[in-house]
Amino acid sequence: MLQRRLGMNSIKSRQRVADHGEVFTPAWMVEAMLDLVKSETERVDSRFLEPACGDGNFLVQILRRKLAAVEIKYGKSEFERRHYSLLALMCLYGIELLTDNIAECRANLLAIFAEYLNLAPSDDLYRAAFYVLSQNLVHGDARTMRTDDALPITFAEWGYLGKGRFQRREFRLDVLTGASAYSQEGDLFANLGKHEIFTPIKTYPPMTVGELAALAPEVIK
């Protein structure tokens, strides 16, 4: 069942191809492409954004690699294993135009995460992950950098502070994508530090897994 949802068929329907250019990357090609940045895919805190994430065939494989790294580095401590697994999930981002795809992408990543940690839906860590995915995987259009309800796409930058606390800062995608323009040689702003231009639109107090879980929708309780 999971293999079907992960886009083992490269085309869901000819109409979707015609309307949206939707064709899923085959698994062998996903692995080959990820191997080009192998060290980054195996780093727990490296961040990846898939601007047309579909049902998550790239993001799922990145998560698997990250969780394998968590197991090697933090597997001897259940506390660290759980929290660094959540950090690995927090570092994955996606944008998807089609409603069913974004729902499947969230479900697929959550299933991999829950399976690795043997979580039940009632577990605070499961609910925290559910909430993180609702923020990190956006239903919207990467071309316009707008959500499906026409708001600017924002992403949460999550950091692990240690001792079970996470820091969240929010950034607008359209501002972040301007970084390349400002860094071009000869640009008026090329000599400015990025901190002077790109600042978060909101910074939250540190949060625990329990506090993140409390933000999850009632439907999964």
N, C-alpha and C. Protein backbone atom coordinates (compact mmCIF):
# COMPACT_ATOMS: atom_id res chain seq x y z
N MET A 1 0.84 -1.21 0.00
CA MET A 1 0.00 0.00 0.00
C MET A 1 0.87 1.26 0.00
N LEU A 2 1.90 1.25 0.88
CA LEU A 2 2.77 2.42 0.95
C LEU A 2 3.51 2.64 -0.35
N GLN A 3 3.93 1.55 -1.00
CA GLN A 3 4.64 1.70 -2.27
C GLN A 3 3.76 2.35 -3.33
N ARG A 4 2.48 2.01 -3.34
CA ARG A 4 1.59 2.62 -4.32
C ARG A 4 1.48 4.12 -4.06
N ARG A 5 1.37 4.50 -2.78
CA ARG A 5 1.21 5.90 -2.43
C ARG A 5 2.47 6.69 -2.69
N LEU A 6 3.60 6.04 -2.69
CA LEU A 6 4.85 6.75 -2.89
C LEU A 6 5.20 6.95 -4.36
N GLY A 7 4.23 6.77 -5.22
CA GLY A 7 4.45 7.12 -6.61
C GLY A 7 5.21 6.08 -7.38
N MET A 8 4.99 4.78 -7.10
CA MET A 8 5.66 3.74 -7.87
C MET A 8 5.22 3.79 -9.33
N ASN A 9 3.98 4.23 -9.59
CA ASN A 9 3.54 4.51 -10.94
C ASN A 9 3.89 5.94 -11.26
N SER A 10 4.53 6.18 -12.41
CA SER A 10 5.02 7.52 -12.71
C SER A 10 3.90 8.46 -13.14
N ILE A 11 2.74 7.92 -13.49
CA ILE A 11 1.62 8.74 -13.94
C ILE A 11 0.34 8.28 -13.25
N LYS A 12 -0.38 9.20 -12.62
CA LYS A 12 -1.66 8.86 -12.00
C LYS A 12 -2.78 8.86 -13.04
N SER A 13 -2.76 9.85 -13.91
CA SER A 13 -3.75 9.89 -14.99
C SER A 13 -3.23 10.80 -16.09
N ARG A 14 -3.65 10.51 -17.31
CA ARG A 14 -3.23 11.35 -18.45
C ARG A 14 -3.75 12.77 -18.30
N GLN A 15 -4.95 12.90 -17.70
CA GLN A 15 -5.51 14.24 -17.53
C GLN A 15 -4.66 15.09 -16.59
N ARG A 16 -4.15 14.47 -15.55
CA ARG A 16 -3.30 15.21 -14.61
C ARG A 16 -1.98 15.61 -15.28
N VAL A 17 -1.48 14.77 -16.14
CA VAL A 17 -0.27 15.12 -16.89
C VAL A 17 -0.56 16.33 -17.78
N ALA A 18 -1.70 16.30 -18.45
CA ALA A 18 -2.07 17.39 -19.36
C ALA A 18 -2.32 18.69 -18.61
N ASP A 19 -3.01 18.58 -17.46
CA ASP A 19 -3.39 19.78 -16.72
C ASP A 19 -2.25 20.36 -15.90
N HIS A 20 -1.42 19.48 -15.31
CA HIS A 20 -0.44 19.95 -14.34
C HIS A 20 0.99 19.48 -14.63
N GLY A 21 1.19 18.72 -15.70
CA GLY A 21 2.53 18.19 -15.97
C GLY A 21 3.01 17.23 -14.91
N GLU A 22 2.07 16.52 -14.29
CA GLU A 22 2.41 15.65 -13.16
C GLU A 22 2.95 14.30 -13.63
N VAL A 23 4.24 14.09 -13.40
CA VAL A 23 4.89 12.80 -13.65
C VAL A 23 5.84 12.55 -12.49
N PHE A 24 5.73 11.41 -11.84
CA PHE A 24 6.54 11.11 -10.67
C PHE A 24 7.90 10.54 -11.07
N THR A 25 8.94 10.97 -10.35
CA THR A 25 10.30 10.47 -10.60
C THR A 25 10.40 9.04 -10.11
N PRO A 26 10.90 8.10 -10.94
CA PRO A 26 11.02 6.71 -10.50
C PRO A 26 12.02 6.56 -9.36
N ALA A 27 11.83 5.51 -8.55
CA ALA A 27 12.62 5.32 -7.33
C ALA A 27 14.12 5.26 -7.61
N TRP A 28 14.51 4.56 -8.69
CA TRP A 28 15.94 4.43 -8.97
C TRP A 28 16.58 5.78 -9.27
N MET A 29 15.82 6.64 -9.93
CA MET A 29 16.35 7.96 -10.26
C MET A 29 16.42 8.85 -9.02
N VAL A 30 15.42 8.71 -8.14
CA VAL A 30 15.45 9.44 -6.88
C VAL A 30 16.72 9.12 -6.11
N GLU A 31 17.02 7.83 -5.98
CA GLU A 31 18.21 7.41 -5.24
C GLU A 31 19.49 7.92 -5.91
N ALA A 32 19.53 7.85 -7.23
CA ALA A 32 20.72 8.31 -7.95
C ALA A 32 20.94 9.82 -7.76
N MET A 33 19.85 10.57 -7.78
CA MET A 33 19.96 12.02 -7.60
C MET A 33 20.38 12.36 -6.18
N LEU A 34 19.82 11.65 -5.21
CA LEU A 34 20.18 11.92 -3.82
C LEU A 34 21.62 11.54 -3.53
N ASP A 35 22.12 10.53 -4.24
CA ASP A 35 23.51 10.13 -4.04
C ASP A 35 24.49 11.22 -4.49
N LEU A 36 24.03 12.13 -5.33
CA LEU A 36 24.89 13.23 -5.76
C LEU A 36 25.19 14.18 -4.60
N VAL A 37 24.30 14.19 -3.60
CA VAL A 37 24.51 15.01 -2.39
C VAL A 37 24.41 14.10 -1.17
N LYS A 38 25.03 12.96 -1.27
CA LYS A 38 24.88 11.89 -0.27
C LYS A 38 25.19 12.37 1.15
N SER A 39 26.26 13.09 1.33
CA SER A 39 26.65 13.51 2.67
C SER A 39 25.60 14.42 3.30
N GLU A 40 24.95 15.25 2.48
CA GLU A 40 23.91 16.14 3.01
C GLU A 40 22.65 15.36 3.37
N THR A 41 22.31 14.37 2.57
CA THR A 41 21.10 13.58 2.87
C THR A 41 21.28 12.76 4.15
N GLU A 42 22.51 12.54 4.55
CA GLU A 42 22.78 11.75 5.75
C GLU A 42 23.16 12.63 6.94
N ARG A 43 22.97 13.94 6.80
CA ARG A 43 23.21 14.86 7.92
C ARG A 43 21.87 15.22 8.54
N VAL A 44 21.73 15.01 9.82
CA VAL A 44 20.44 15.14 10.49
C VAL A 44 19.84 16.53 10.31
N ASP A 45 20.65 17.58 10.40
CA ASP A 45 20.12 18.94 10.40
C ASP A 45 20.23 19.65 9.05
N SER A 46 20.55 18.93 7.98
CA SER A 46 20.56 19.57 6.66
C SER A 46 19.12 19.78 6.20
N ARG A 47 18.87 20.90 5.54
CA ARG A 47 17.51 21.25 5.14
C ARG A 47 17.31 21.03 3.64
N PHE A 48 16.16 20.46 3.30
CA PHE A 48 15.80 20.20 1.91
C PHE A 48 14.40 20.76 1.64
N LEU A 49 14.28 21.44 0.50
CA LEU A 49 12.98 21.91 0.03
C LEU A 49 12.71 21.30 -1.33
N GLU A 50 11.58 20.62 -1.46
CA GLU A 50 11.12 20.09 -2.74
C GLU A 50 9.95 20.95 -3.21
N PRO A 51 10.16 21.80 -4.24
CA PRO A 51 9.12 22.76 -4.64
C PRO A 51 7.93 22.15 -5.36
N ALA A 52 8.04 20.90 -5.77
CA ALA A 52 6.89 20.19 -6.36
C ALA A 52 6.96 18.77 -5.79
N CYS A 53 6.59 18.63 -4.51
CA CYS A 53 6.93 17.42 -3.76
C CYS A 53 6.05 16.23 -4.08
N GLY A 54 4.94 16.42 -4.79
CA GLY A 54 4.07 15.29 -5.11
C GLY A 54 3.65 14.55 -3.86
N ASP A 55 3.75 13.22 -3.87
CA ASP A 55 3.38 12.46 -2.68
C ASP A 55 4.60 12.12 -1.83
N GLY A 56 5.74 12.74 -2.13
CA GLY A 56 6.88 12.66 -1.23
C GLY A 56 7.96 11.68 -1.59
N ASN A 57 8.07 11.28 -2.86
CA ASN A 57 9.06 10.25 -3.18
C ASN A 57 10.49 10.69 -2.88
N PHE A 58 10.82 11.96 -3.07
CA PHE A 58 12.15 12.45 -2.69
C PHE A 58 12.26 12.61 -1.17
N LEU A 59 11.29 13.26 -0.57
CA LEU A 59 11.36 13.58 0.85
C LEU A 59 11.36 12.34 1.73
N VAL A 60 10.62 11.33 1.32
CA VAL A 60 10.59 10.08 2.09
C VAL A 60 11.97 9.44 2.12
N GLN A 61 12.64 9.38 0.98
CA GLN A 61 13.95 8.76 0.94
C GLN A 61 14.99 9.57 1.71
N ILE A 62 14.86 10.89 1.67
CA ILE A 62 15.76 11.73 2.47
C ILE A 62 15.52 11.46 3.95
N LEU A 63 14.26 11.37 4.35
CA LEU A 63 13.95 11.09 5.75
C LEU A 63 14.51 9.75 6.18
N ARG A 64 14.39 8.74 5.33
CA ARG A 64 14.95 7.42 5.66
C ARG A 64 16.46 7.53 5.91
N ARG A 65 17.14 8.27 5.08
CA ARG A 65 18.59 8.42 5.23
C ARG A 65 18.92 9.19 6.52
N LYS A 66 18.16 10.21 6.80
CA LYS A 66 18.38 10.99 8.01
C LYS A 66 18.15 10.14 9.26
N LEU A 67 17.08 9.36 9.25
CA LEU A 67 16.78 8.52 10.41
C LEU A 67 17.84 7.45 10.61
N ALA A 68 18.41 6.96 9.53
CA ALA A 68 19.52 6.02 9.65
C ALA A 68 20.72 6.69 10.33
N ALA A 69 20.94 7.97 10.01
CA ALA A 69 22.02 8.71 10.65
C ALA A 69 21.72 8.94 12.13
N VAL A 70 20.46 9.21 12.44
CA VAL A 70 20.05 9.36 13.84
C VAL A 70 20.35 8.09 14.62
N GLU A 71 20.02 6.96 14.02
CA GLU A 71 20.23 5.68 14.69
C GLU A 71 21.71 5.46 15.00
N ILE A 72 22.57 5.80 14.06
CA ILE A 72 24.01 5.62 14.27
C ILE A 72 24.54 6.57 15.35
N LYS A 73 24.10 7.83 15.31
CA LYS A 73 24.66 8.84 16.21
C LYS A 73 24.01 8.88 17.58
N TYR A 74 22.70 8.61 17.63
CA TYR A 74 21.96 8.81 18.88
C TYR A 74 21.17 7.59 19.34
N GLY A 75 21.39 6.45 18.69
CA GLY A 75 20.60 5.27 18.97
C GLY A 75 20.72 4.73 20.39
N LYS A 76 21.80 5.07 21.09
CA LYS A 76 22.00 4.54 22.43
C LYS A 76 21.20 5.29 23.48
N SER A 77 20.68 6.45 23.14
CA SER A 77 19.87 7.25 24.07
C SER A 77 18.47 7.43 23.49
N GLU A 78 17.47 6.87 24.14
CA GLU A 78 16.11 6.97 23.61
C GLU A 78 15.64 8.43 23.58
N PHE A 79 16.03 9.20 24.57
CA PHE A 79 15.66 10.62 24.62
C PHE A 79 16.23 11.35 23.41
N GLU A 80 17.53 11.20 23.17
CA GLU A 80 18.16 11.88 22.04
C GLU A 80 17.66 11.33 20.72
N ARG A 81 17.45 10.03 20.65
CA ARG A 81 16.95 9.40 19.42
C ARG A 81 15.61 10.00 19.02
N ARG A 82 14.72 10.16 19.95
CA ARG A 82 13.39 10.70 19.66
C ARG A 82 13.48 12.17 19.24
N HIS A 83 14.27 12.94 19.96
CA HIS A 83 14.31 14.38 19.66
C HIS A 83 15.07 14.70 18.38
N TYR A 84 16.14 13.97 18.12
CA TYR A 84 16.88 14.22 16.88
C TYR A 84 16.12 13.66 15.67
N SER A 85 15.30 12.65 15.89
CA SER A 85 14.42 12.18 14.80
C SER A 85 13.43 13.27 14.42
N LEU A 86 12.89 13.94 15.42
CA LEU A 86 11.97 15.05 15.13
C LEU A 86 12.70 16.17 14.42
N LEU A 87 13.93 16.46 14.83
CA LEU A 87 14.71 17.50 14.12
C LEU A 87 14.92 17.11 12.67
N ALA A 88 15.21 15.84 12.41
CA ALA A 88 15.39 15.38 11.02
C ALA A 88 14.14 15.66 10.20
N LEU A 89 12.98 15.39 10.78
CA LEU A 89 11.71 15.66 10.10
C LEU A 89 11.50 17.15 9.91
N MET A 90 11.88 17.92 10.92
CA MET A 90 11.69 19.38 10.87
C MET A 90 12.48 20.04 9.74
N CYS A 91 13.52 19.37 9.28
CA CYS A 91 14.40 19.95 8.25
C CYS A 91 13.96 19.62 6.83
N LEU A 92 12.79 19.02 6.68
CA LEU A 92 12.25 18.70 5.36
C LEU A 92 11.08 19.60 5.03
N TYR A 93 11.08 20.14 3.81
CA TYR A 93 10.05 21.10 3.38
C TYR A 93 9.55 20.73 1.99
N GLY A 94 8.30 21.03 1.74
CA GLY A 94 7.74 20.76 0.43
C GLY A 94 6.61 21.71 0.10
N ILE A 95 6.43 21.91 -1.20
CA ILE A 95 5.29 22.68 -1.73
C ILE A 95 4.63 21.81 -2.79
N GLU A 96 3.31 21.76 -2.77
CA GLU A 96 2.60 20.94 -3.75
C GLU A 96 1.28 21.61 -4.12
N LEU A 97 1.00 21.61 -5.43
CA LEU A 97 -0.18 22.28 -5.96
C LEU A 97 -1.46 21.48 -5.75
N LEU A 98 -1.37 20.15 -5.82
CA LEU A 98 -2.56 19.31 -5.82
C LEU A 98 -2.90 18.82 -4.41
N THR A 99 -4.17 18.93 -4.07
CA THR A 99 -4.63 18.64 -2.71
C THR A 99 -4.36 17.21 -2.27
N ASP A 100 -4.65 16.24 -3.13
CA ASP A 100 -4.45 14.85 -2.73
C ASP A 100 -2.97 14.52 -2.55
N ASN A 101 -2.13 15.11 -3.38
CA ASN A 101 -0.70 14.86 -3.26
C ASN A 101 -0.13 15.37 -1.93
N ILE A 102 -0.49 16.58 -1.54
CA ILE A 102 0.09 17.13 -0.31
C ILE A 102 -0.40 16.34 0.89
N ALA A 103 -1.63 15.86 0.86
CA ALA A 103 -2.14 15.04 1.95
C ALA A 103 -1.38 13.71 2.02
N GLU A 104 -1.13 13.11 0.86
CA GLU A 104 -0.39 11.85 0.83
C GLU A 104 1.06 12.05 1.26
N CYS A 105 1.65 13.16 0.87
CA CYS A 105 3.03 13.43 1.24
C CYS A 105 3.16 13.52 2.76
N ARG A 106 2.27 14.26 3.39
CA ARG A 106 2.29 14.36 4.85
C ARG A 106 2.10 13.00 5.49
N ALA A 107 1.14 12.24 4.97
CA ALA A 107 0.86 10.92 5.54
C ALA A 107 2.04 9.97 5.37
N ASN A 108 2.69 10.02 4.23
CA ASN A 108 3.82 9.12 3.96
C ASN A 108 5.00 9.42 4.89
N LEU A 109 5.31 10.69 5.06
CA LEU A 109 6.42 11.06 5.94
C LEU A 109 6.09 10.71 7.39
N LEU A 110 4.86 10.97 7.80
CA LEU A 110 4.46 10.65 9.16
C LEU A 110 4.53 9.15 9.41
N ALA A 111 4.14 8.35 8.42
CA ALA A 111 4.18 6.89 8.56
C ALA A 111 5.61 6.39 8.75
N ILE A 112 6.56 6.93 7.98
CA ILE A 112 7.96 6.54 8.11
C ILE A 112 8.50 6.92 9.49
N PHE A 113 8.19 8.12 9.92
CA PHE A 113 8.63 8.62 11.22
C PHE A 113 8.06 7.77 12.35
N ALA A 114 6.76 7.51 12.31
CA ALA A 114 6.10 6.74 13.36
C ALA A 114 6.58 5.30 13.40
N GLU A 115 6.84 4.74 12.23
CA GLU A 115 7.32 3.36 12.17
C GLU A 115 8.71 3.25 12.80
N TYR A 116 9.57 4.19 12.50
CA TYR A 116 10.93 4.15 13.04
C TYR A 116 10.92 4.21 14.58
N LEU A 117 10.06 5.06 15.15
CA LEU A 117 10.04 5.25 16.60
C LEU A 117 8.95 4.43 17.30
N ASN A 118 8.21 3.64 16.51
CA ASN A 118 7.14 2.81 17.06
C ASN A 118 6.13 3.65 17.83
N LEU A 119 5.61 4.67 17.17
CA LEU A 119 4.71 5.62 17.81
C LEU A 119 3.25 5.30 17.52
N ALA A 120 2.41 5.50 18.50
CA ALA A 120 0.95 5.46 18.32
C ALA A 120 0.45 6.87 18.08
N PRO A 121 -0.70 7.03 17.42
CA PRO A 121 -1.24 8.38 17.19
C PRO A 121 -1.48 9.19 18.46
N SER A 122 -1.62 8.51 19.59
CA SER A 122 -1.83 9.21 20.86
C SER A 122 -0.54 9.73 21.48
N ASP A 123 0.61 9.31 20.96
CA ASP A 123 1.91 9.73 21.49
C ASP A 123 2.14 11.21 21.19
N ASP A 124 2.62 11.94 22.16
CA ASP A 124 2.90 13.36 21.96
C ASP A 124 3.87 13.60 20.79
N LEU A 125 4.85 12.71 20.64
CA LEU A 125 5.82 12.89 19.56
C LEU A 125 5.16 12.70 18.19
N TYR A 126 4.21 11.78 18.10
CA TYR A 126 3.46 11.58 16.85
C TYR A 126 2.68 12.85 16.53
N ARG A 127 2.02 13.40 17.52
CA ARG A 127 1.19 14.60 17.30
C ARG A 127 2.05 15.82 17.00
N ALA A 128 3.23 15.89 17.64
CA ALA A 128 4.16 16.98 17.33
C ALA A 128 4.63 16.89 15.88
N ALA A 129 4.93 15.66 15.44
CA ALA A 129 5.35 15.46 14.05
C ALA A 129 4.23 15.83 13.09
N PHE A 130 3.00 15.46 13.43
CA PHE A 130 1.84 15.81 12.62
C PHE A 130 1.76 17.33 12.44
N TYR A 131 1.96 18.06 13.54
CA TYR A 131 1.90 19.52 13.47
C TYR A 131 3.03 20.08 12.62
N VAL A 132 4.25 19.58 12.82
CA VAL A 132 5.40 20.05 12.05
C VAL A 132 5.16 19.86 10.55
N LEU A 133 4.64 18.70 10.17
CA LEU A 133 4.37 18.43 8.76
C LEU A 133 3.29 19.36 8.21
N SER A 134 2.33 19.73 9.03
CA SER A 134 1.29 20.66 8.58
C SER A 134 1.86 22.04 8.28
N GLN A 135 3.00 22.37 8.91
CA GLN A 135 3.65 23.66 8.68
C GLN A 135 4.70 23.59 7.57
N ASN A 136 5.42 22.48 7.51
CA ASN A 136 6.54 22.36 6.58
C ASN A 136 6.14 21.96 5.17
N LEU A 137 5.03 21.24 5.03
CA LEU A 137 4.55 20.80 3.72
C LEU A 137 3.34 21.64 3.35
N VAL A 138 3.53 22.51 2.38
CA VAL A 138 2.56 23.56 2.09
C VAL A 138 1.76 23.25 0.84
N HIS A 139 0.46 23.41 0.94
CA HIS A 139 -0.42 23.32 -0.23
C HIS A 139 -0.40 24.67 -0.93
N GLY A 140 0.32 24.73 -2.05
CA GLY A 140 0.45 26.01 -2.73
C GLY A 140 1.18 25.86 -4.05
N ASP A 141 1.61 26.98 -4.60
CA ASP A 141 2.25 27.02 -5.91
C ASP A 141 3.64 27.63 -5.75
N ALA A 142 4.67 26.84 -6.01
CA ALA A 142 6.04 27.32 -5.86
C ALA A 142 6.38 28.42 -6.86
N ARG A 143 5.69 28.44 -7.98
CA ARG A 143 5.98 29.47 -9.00
C ARG A 143 5.55 30.85 -8.52
N THR A 144 4.38 30.93 -7.92
CA THR A 144 3.88 32.21 -7.43
C THR A 144 4.30 32.48 -5.99
N MET A 145 4.79 31.43 -5.32
CA MET A 145 5.16 31.49 -3.90
C MET A 145 3.99 31.91 -3.04
N ARG A 146 2.81 31.38 -3.41
CA ARG A 146 1.57 31.63 -2.68
C ARG A 146 0.92 30.31 -2.29
N THR A 147 0.23 30.32 -1.16
CA THR A 147 -0.52 29.15 -0.74
C THR A 147 -1.77 29.01 -1.59
N ASP A 148 -2.51 27.92 -1.36
CA ASP A 148 -3.73 27.72 -2.14
C ASP A 148 -4.79 28.77 -1.85
N ASP A 149 -4.69 29.47 -0.72
CA ASP A 149 -5.61 30.57 -0.45
C ASP A 149 -4.95 31.93 -0.68
N ALA A 150 -3.92 31.95 -1.54
CA ALA A 150 -3.29 33.17 -2.07
C ALA A 150 -2.48 33.97 -1.06
N LEU A 151 -2.10 33.35 0.05
CA LEU A 151 -1.23 34.02 1.01
C LEU A 151 0.24 33.73 0.68
N PRO A 152 1.15 34.62 1.05
CA PRO A 152 2.57 34.34 0.82
C PRO A 152 2.99 33.07 1.57
N ILE A 153 3.76 32.21 0.92
CA ILE A 153 4.23 31.00 1.57
C ILE A 153 5.28 31.36 2.61
N THR A 154 5.09 30.87 3.82
CA THR A 154 6.07 31.03 4.88
C THR A 154 6.52 29.65 5.35
N PHE A 155 7.76 29.57 5.79
CA PHE A 155 8.30 28.33 6.32
C PHE A 155 8.87 28.56 7.71
N ALA A 156 8.75 27.53 8.53
CA ALA A 156 9.33 27.56 9.86
C ALA A 156 10.75 26.99 9.81
N GLU A 157 11.69 27.74 10.32
CA GLU A 157 13.04 27.22 10.52
C GLU A 157 13.09 26.69 11.95
N TRP A 158 13.31 25.37 12.07
CA TRP A 158 13.34 24.74 13.38
C TRP A 158 14.78 24.46 13.79
N GLY A 159 15.09 24.72 15.02
CA GLY A 159 16.40 24.38 15.56
C GLY A 159 16.25 23.65 16.88
N TYR A 160 17.14 22.71 17.14
CA TYR A 160 17.09 21.97 18.40
C TYR A 160 18.06 22.61 19.37
N LEU A 161 17.55 23.06 20.51
CA LEU A 161 18.36 23.75 21.50
C LEU A 161 18.96 22.79 22.53
N GLY A 162 18.56 21.53 22.45
CA GLY A 162 18.99 20.56 23.44
C GLY A 162 18.00 20.47 24.59
N LYS A 163 18.11 19.41 25.37
CA LYS A 163 17.26 19.19 26.54
C LYS A 163 15.78 19.21 26.20
N GLY A 164 15.45 18.76 24.98
CA GLY A 164 14.06 18.62 24.59
C GLY A 164 13.37 19.89 24.16
N ARG A 165 14.10 20.95 23.85
CA ARG A 165 13.49 22.22 23.46
C ARG A 165 13.86 22.58 22.02
N PHE A 166 12.85 23.07 21.30
CA PHE A 166 13.03 23.44 19.89
C PHE A 166 12.71 24.93 19.71
N GLN A 167 13.47 25.57 18.83
CA GLN A 167 13.26 26.98 18.51
C GLN A 167 12.67 27.10 17.11
N ARG A 168 11.67 27.94 16.97
CA ARG A 168 11.02 28.14 15.66
C ARG A 168 11.11 29.61 15.26
N ARG A 169 11.55 29.83 14.01
CA ARG A 169 11.51 31.16 13.40
C ARG A 169 10.83 31.03 12.05
N GLU A 170 10.04 32.01 11.67
CA GLU A 170 9.32 31.97 10.39
C GLU A 170 9.94 32.93 9.39
N PHE A 171 10.03 32.46 8.14
CA PHE A 171 10.55 33.25 7.03
C PHE A 171 9.60 33.17 5.85
N ARG A 172 9.52 34.25 5.09
CA ARG A 172 8.75 34.24 3.85
C ARG A 172 9.61 33.68 2.72
N LEU A 173 9.01 32.78 1.93
CA LEU A 173 9.75 32.15 0.84
C LEU A 173 10.22 33.16 -0.19
N ASP A 174 9.39 34.13 -0.53
CA ASP A 174 9.78 35.08 -1.56
C ASP A 174 10.97 35.93 -1.13
N VAL A 175 11.11 36.16 0.16
CA VAL A 175 12.27 36.90 0.67
C VAL A 175 13.52 36.02 0.63
N LEU A 176 13.36 34.77 1.07
CA LEU A 176 14.51 33.86 1.08
C LEU A 176 15.08 33.63 -0.32
N THR A 177 14.19 33.53 -1.30
CA THR A 177 14.67 33.27 -2.66
C THR A 177 15.38 34.48 -3.25
N GLY A 178 15.26 35.62 -2.63
CA GLY A 178 16.00 36.79 -3.08
C GLY A 178 17.45 36.79 -2.69
N ALA A 179 17.85 35.81 -1.87
CA ALA A 179 19.24 35.77 -1.38
C ALA A 179 20.24 35.69 -2.52
N SER A 180 19.91 34.91 -3.55
CA SER A 180 20.86 34.74 -4.66
C SER A 180 21.09 36.05 -5.40
N ALA A 181 20.04 36.86 -5.52
CA ALA A 181 20.17 38.14 -6.21
C ALA A 181 21.08 39.08 -5.43
N TYR A 182 20.94 39.09 -4.10
CA TYR A 182 21.74 39.99 -3.29
C TYR A 182 23.20 39.57 -3.22
N SER A 183 23.48 38.30 -3.47
CA SER A 183 24.85 37.81 -3.34
C SER A 183 25.62 37.87 -4.65
N GLN A 184 24.99 38.33 -5.72
CA GLN A 184 25.67 38.40 -6.99
C GLN A 184 26.79 39.44 -6.94
N GLU A 185 27.89 39.12 -7.59
CA GLU A 185 29.04 40.03 -7.61
C GLU A 185 28.64 41.35 -8.25
N GLY A 186 29.00 42.44 -7.60
CA GLY A 186 28.70 43.76 -8.13
C GLY A 186 27.34 44.28 -7.73
N ASP A 187 26.53 43.47 -7.04
CA ASP A 187 25.23 43.93 -6.61
C ASP A 187 25.39 44.98 -5.52
N LEU A 188 24.47 45.90 -5.47
CA LEU A 188 24.51 46.98 -4.50
C LEU A 188 24.60 46.46 -3.07
N PHE A 189 23.96 45.29 -2.82
CA PHE A 189 23.88 44.75 -1.46
C PHE A 189 24.87 43.60 -1.23
N ALA A 190 25.76 43.37 -2.15
CA ALA A 190 26.63 42.19 -2.08
C ALA A 190 27.50 42.19 -0.84
N ASN A 191 27.87 43.36 -0.33
CA ASN A 191 28.76 43.43 0.82
C ASN A 191 28.02 43.45 2.15
N LEU A 192 26.71 43.44 2.12
CA LEU A 192 25.94 43.44 3.35
C LEU A 192 25.85 42.03 3.90
N GLY A 193 25.92 41.89 5.21
CA GLY A 193 25.70 40.58 5.82
C GLY A 193 24.25 40.16 5.62
N LYS A 194 24.04 38.87 5.42
CA LYS A 194 22.68 38.40 5.17
C LYS A 194 21.76 38.71 6.34
N HIS A 195 22.33 38.77 7.55
CA HIS A 195 21.49 39.05 8.71
C HIS A 195 20.89 40.45 8.65
N GLU A 196 21.48 41.33 7.86
CA GLU A 196 20.97 42.69 7.74
C GLU A 196 19.79 42.78 6.77
N ILE A 197 19.61 41.76 5.95
CA ILE A 197 18.55 41.78 4.95
C ILE A 197 17.46 40.76 5.26
N PHE A 198 17.88 39.56 5.59
CA PHE A 198 16.92 38.47 5.78
C PHE A 198 16.70 38.21 7.26
N THR A 199 15.62 38.72 7.76
CA THR A 199 15.27 38.54 9.17
C THR A 199 13.95 37.80 9.26
N PRO A 200 13.75 37.00 10.30
CA PRO A 200 12.50 36.26 10.43
C PRO A 200 11.32 37.21 10.62
N ILE A 201 10.17 36.79 10.11
CA ILE A 201 8.97 37.61 10.31
C ILE A 201 8.36 37.34 11.68
N LYS A 202 8.77 36.22 12.30
CA LYS A 202 8.30 35.92 13.65
C LYS A 202 9.24 34.92 14.30
N THR A 203 9.50 35.12 15.57
CA THR A 203 10.30 34.19 16.35
C THR A 203 9.48 33.74 17.56
N TYR A 204 9.45 32.45 17.80
CA TYR A 204 8.64 31.88 18.87
C TYR A 204 9.52 31.54 20.07
N PRO A 205 8.93 31.51 21.26
CA PRO A 205 9.68 31.02 22.42
C PRO A 205 10.02 29.54 22.23
N PRO A 206 11.07 29.05 22.87
CA PRO A 206 11.39 27.62 22.78
C PRO A 206 10.20 26.76 23.17
N MET A 207 10.02 25.63 22.47
CA MET A 207 8.88 24.74 22.69
C MET A 207 9.35 23.32 22.91
N THR A 208 8.64 22.60 23.76
CA THR A 208 8.89 21.19 23.98
C THR A 208 8.02 20.36 23.04
N VAL A 209 8.27 19.06 23.01
CA VAL A 209 7.44 18.16 22.20
C VAL A 209 5.99 18.24 22.66
N GLY A 210 5.77 18.28 23.95
CA GLY A 210 4.40 18.38 24.46
C GLY A 210 3.69 19.64 24.00
N GLU A 211 4.41 20.75 23.97
CA GLU A 211 3.82 22.01 23.53
C GLU A 211 3.53 21.98 22.04
N LEU A 212 4.40 21.36 21.25
CA LEU A 212 4.14 21.20 19.82
C LEU A 212 2.94 20.29 19.60
N ALA A 213 2.86 19.22 20.37
CA ALA A 213 1.74 18.27 20.24
C ALA A 213 0.41 18.95 20.52
N ALA A 214 0.41 19.90 21.45
CA ALA A 214 -0.82 20.60 21.81
C ALA A 214 -1.36 21.46 20.66
N LEU A 215 -0.49 21.78 19.69
CA LEU A 215 -0.90 22.58 18.55
C LEU A 215 -1.51 21.74 17.43
N ALA A 216 -1.39 20.42 17.53
CA ALA A 216 -1.92 19.54 16.49
C ALA A 216 -3.44 19.59 16.49
N PRO A 217 -4.06 19.44 15.32
CA PRO A 217 -5.53 19.48 15.24
C PRO A 217 -6.18 18.40 16.08
N GLU A 218 -7.38 18.69 16.55
CA GLU A 218 -8.10 17.76 17.40
C GLU A 218 -8.38 16.43 16.69
N VAL A 219 -8.42 16.45 15.37
CA VAL A 219 -8.84 15.27 14.60
C VAL A 219 -7.94 14.07 14.86
N ILE A 220 -6.67 14.29 15.22
CA ILE A 220 -5.79 13.13 15.40
C ILE A 220 -5.70 12.68 16.84
N LYS A 221 -6.40 13.36 17.76
CA LYS A 221 -6.34 12.97 19.16
C LYS A 221 -7.14 11.71 19.39
